[in-house]
Amino acid sequence: MPSDRESHKSLGRLIASISRQAQVFIRKRASKLGLGKGQFFLLKILATKEDLNQNELTGTLMIDKATTARAIKSLESKGLAIRVVDPEDRRTNRLSLTPKGKKLCAELDEISLELENRLLAGFSQKDRQCLSALLEKLVANAEKVTESD
């Protein structure tokens, strides 16, 4: 039986390994669509939370403002997203997907679903639900950790 210290190391290693493998999968699939990995996630967020401003998007992605600005500019140049001046605060731009961007997001959803199905291959529905619940708790705890620092 591993000690608490060993199990924490193991948990961190396992989470990191899953994350790396998922990122490799996403990077390969995104590149076939002419996207970078970061653009993939930015589009996925805009598909669920349209009309975010750049600061909100930066916070959601947990990346720096310059990286967000470059990704937005690239998506705009590809005709996938547009900036619209916020009517309540003319200094702020809201981001929206174009019809082309919305169509591409349907493909991104398929990629995400394929990844999830591959990662959960061999899991029963009950196991999937249990894992999801445990991961939700882990995310909530992780958010508390970053909020307190």
Protein backbone atom coordinates (compact mmCIF):
# COMPACT_ATOMS: atom_id res chain seq x y z
CA MET A 1 0.00 0.00 0.00
CA PRO A 2 1.55 3.32 -1.03
CA SER A 3 2.04 6.00 1.61
CA ASP A 4 0.10 9.26 1.40
CA ARG A 5 3.18 10.94 -0.04
CA GLU A 6 3.58 8.26 -2.73
CA SER A 7 -0.11 8.36 -3.67
CA HIS A 8 -0.02 12.16 -4.09
CA LYS A 9 3.00 11.86 -6.37
CA SER A 10 1.25 9.14 -8.29
CA LEU A 11 -1.97 11.14 -8.60
CA GLY A 12 -0.09 14.15 -9.95
CA ARG A 13 1.83 11.98 -12.39
CA LEU A 14 -1.35 10.32 -13.59
CA ILE A 15 -3.17 13.61 -14.11
CA ALA A 16 -0.18 15.07 -15.94
CA SER A 17 0.10 11.99 -18.15
CA ILE A 18 -3.59 12.11 -19.12
CA SER A 19 -3.30 15.82 -19.84
CA ARG A 20 -0.20 15.39 -22.03
CA GLN A 21 -1.72 12.56 -24.02
CA ALA A 22 -4.96 14.48 -24.53
CA GLN A 23 -3.03 17.55 -25.66
CA VAL A 24 -1.07 15.52 -28.20
CA PHE A 25 -4.33 14.11 -29.57
CA ILE A 26 -5.93 17.58 -29.74
CA ARG A 27 -2.83 19.14 -31.32
CA LYS A 28 -2.76 16.51 -34.08
CA ARG A 29 -6.47 16.85 -34.83
CA ALA A 30 -6.45 20.65 -34.59
CA SER A 31 -3.52 20.93 -37.00
CA LYS A 32 -5.48 18.98 -39.61
CA LEU A 33 -8.11 21.74 -39.38
CA GLY A 34 -5.50 24.52 -39.62
CA LEU A 35 -5.74 25.32 -35.91
CA GLY A 36 -3.31 25.39 -33.05
CA LYS A 37 -4.16 23.63 -29.81
CA GLY A 38 -4.88 26.96 -28.11
CA GLN A 39 -7.23 28.02 -30.88
CA PHE A 40 -9.08 24.72 -30.49
CA PHE A 41 -9.84 25.47 -26.84
CA LEU A 42 -10.61 29.14 -27.50
CA LEU A 43 -13.19 28.17 -30.12
CA LYS A 44 -14.71 25.55 -27.81
CA ILE A 45 -15.14 28.18 -25.10
CA LEU A 46 -16.65 30.72 -27.50
CA ALA A 47 -19.08 28.07 -28.71
CA THR A 48 -20.49 27.71 -25.20
CA LYS A 49 -20.00 31.27 -23.88
CA GLU A 50 -20.35 33.68 -26.79
CA ASP A 51 -19.89 37.40 -26.31
CA LEU A 52 -17.02 37.11 -23.85
CA ASN A 53 -14.56 39.97 -23.77
CA GLN A 54 -10.84 39.37 -24.07
CA ASN A 55 -10.23 39.59 -20.32
CA GLU A 56 -12.98 37.07 -19.57
CA LEU A 57 -11.55 34.72 -22.19
CA THR A 58 -8.04 35.14 -20.78
CA GLY A 59 -9.31 34.24 -17.32
CA THR A 60 -11.28 31.25 -18.55
CA LEU A 61 -8.31 29.86 -20.48
CA MET A 62 -5.87 30.79 -17.69
CA ILE A 63 -3.36 32.21 -20.17
CA ASP A 64 -1.79 35.64 -20.55
CA LYS A 65 -3.43 38.53 -22.40
CA ALA A 66 -0.86 38.61 -25.20
CA THR A 67 -1.42 34.92 -26.03
CA THR A 68 -5.18 35.49 -26.04
CA ALA A 69 -4.79 38.53 -28.32
CA ARG A 70 -2.66 36.56 -30.82
CA ALA A 71 -5.14 33.67 -30.86
CA ILE A 72 -8.07 36.04 -31.41
CA LYS A 73 -6.26 37.83 -34.22
CA SER A 74 -5.52 34.50 -35.90
CA LEU A 75 -9.14 33.34 -35.59
CA GLU A 76 -10.32 36.64 -37.03
CA SER A 77 -7.93 36.35 -39.98
CA LYS A 78 -9.32 32.87 -40.67
CA GLY A 79 -12.88 34.20 -40.58
CA LEU A 80 -13.79 32.11 -37.52
CA ALA A 81 -14.43 34.87 -34.97
CA ILE A 82 -15.23 38.57 -34.90
CA ARG A 83 -14.88 41.34 -32.35
CA VAL A 84 -17.97 43.43 -31.72
CA VAL A 85 -17.89 46.66 -29.71
CA ASP A 86 -19.78 46.27 -26.44
CA PRO A 87 -22.70 48.73 -26.62
CA GLU A 88 -22.55 49.24 -22.83
CA ASP A 89 -18.79 49.86 -22.73
CA ARG A 90 -17.43 51.07 -26.05
CA ARG A 91 -13.85 50.44 -24.83
CA THR A 92 -14.54 46.71 -24.70
CA ASN A 93 -14.85 44.25 -27.55
CA ARG A 94 -17.00 41.15 -27.27
CA LEU A 95 -15.99 38.04 -29.21
CA SER A 96 -18.39 36.02 -31.30
CA LEU A 97 -18.10 33.11 -33.64
CA THR A 98 -18.85 33.62 -37.31
CA PRO A 99 -21.05 31.09 -39.12
CA LYS A 100 -17.81 29.50 -40.38
CA GLY A 101 -16.54 29.33 -36.78
CA LYS A 102 -19.79 27.75 -35.57
CA LYS A 103 -19.58 25.13 -38.31
CA LEU A 104 -16.00 24.31 -37.35
CA CYS A 105 -17.03 23.97 -33.70
CA ALA A 106 -19.28 21.08 -34.66
CA GLU A 107 -16.14 19.28 -35.89
CA LEU A 108 -14.32 20.21 -32.68
CA ASP A 109 -17.17 18.68 -30.68
CA GLU A 110 -16.71 15.43 -32.61
CA ILE A 111 -12.98 15.47 -31.84
CA SER A 112 -13.67 16.09 -28.15
CA LEU A 113 -16.20 13.27 -28.05
CA GLU A 114 -13.79 10.89 -29.78
CA LEU A 115 -11.07 11.74 -27.26
CA GLU A 116 -13.44 11.23 -24.33
CA ASN A 117 -14.64 7.89 -25.71
CA ARG A 118 -11.07 6.71 -26.24
CA LEU A 119 -10.02 7.77 -22.75
CA LEU A 120 -13.02 6.05 -21.19
CA ALA A 121 -12.88 2.87 -23.29
CA GLY A 122 -13.70 -0.12 -21.12
CA PHE A 123 -15.41 1.97 -18.44
CA SER A 124 -18.98 1.08 -17.53
CA GLN A 125 -21.56 3.87 -17.40
CA LYS A 126 -21.47 3.64 -13.61
CA ASP A 127 -17.66 3.95 -13.63
CA ARG A 128 -17.90 6.98 -15.94
CA GLN A 129 -20.39 8.68 -13.64
CA CYS A 130 -18.30 7.92 -10.57
CA LEU A 131 -15.11 9.18 -12.24
CA SER A 132 -16.88 12.35 -13.36
CA ALA A 133 -18.15 13.04 -9.84
CA LEU A 134 -14.71 12.47 -8.34
CA LEU A 135 -13.03 14.69 -10.92
CA GLU A 136 -15.58 17.46 -10.27
CA LYS A 137 -14.61 17.31 -6.58
CA LEU A 138 -10.93 17.37 -7.51
CA VAL A 139 -11.43 20.41 -9.77
CA ALA A 140 -13.34 22.21 -7.02
CA ASN A 141 -10.51 21.50 -4.57
CA ALA A 142 -7.91 22.63 -7.12
CA GLU A 143 -9.80 25.91 -7.66
CA LYS A 144 -9.83 26.52 -3.91
CA VAL A 145 -6.07 25.97 -3.83
CA THR A 146 -5.42 28.54 -6.57
CA GLU A 147 -7.89 31.02 -5.05
CA SER A 148 -6.18 30.89 -1.65
CA ASP A 149 -2.69 31.59 -3.03
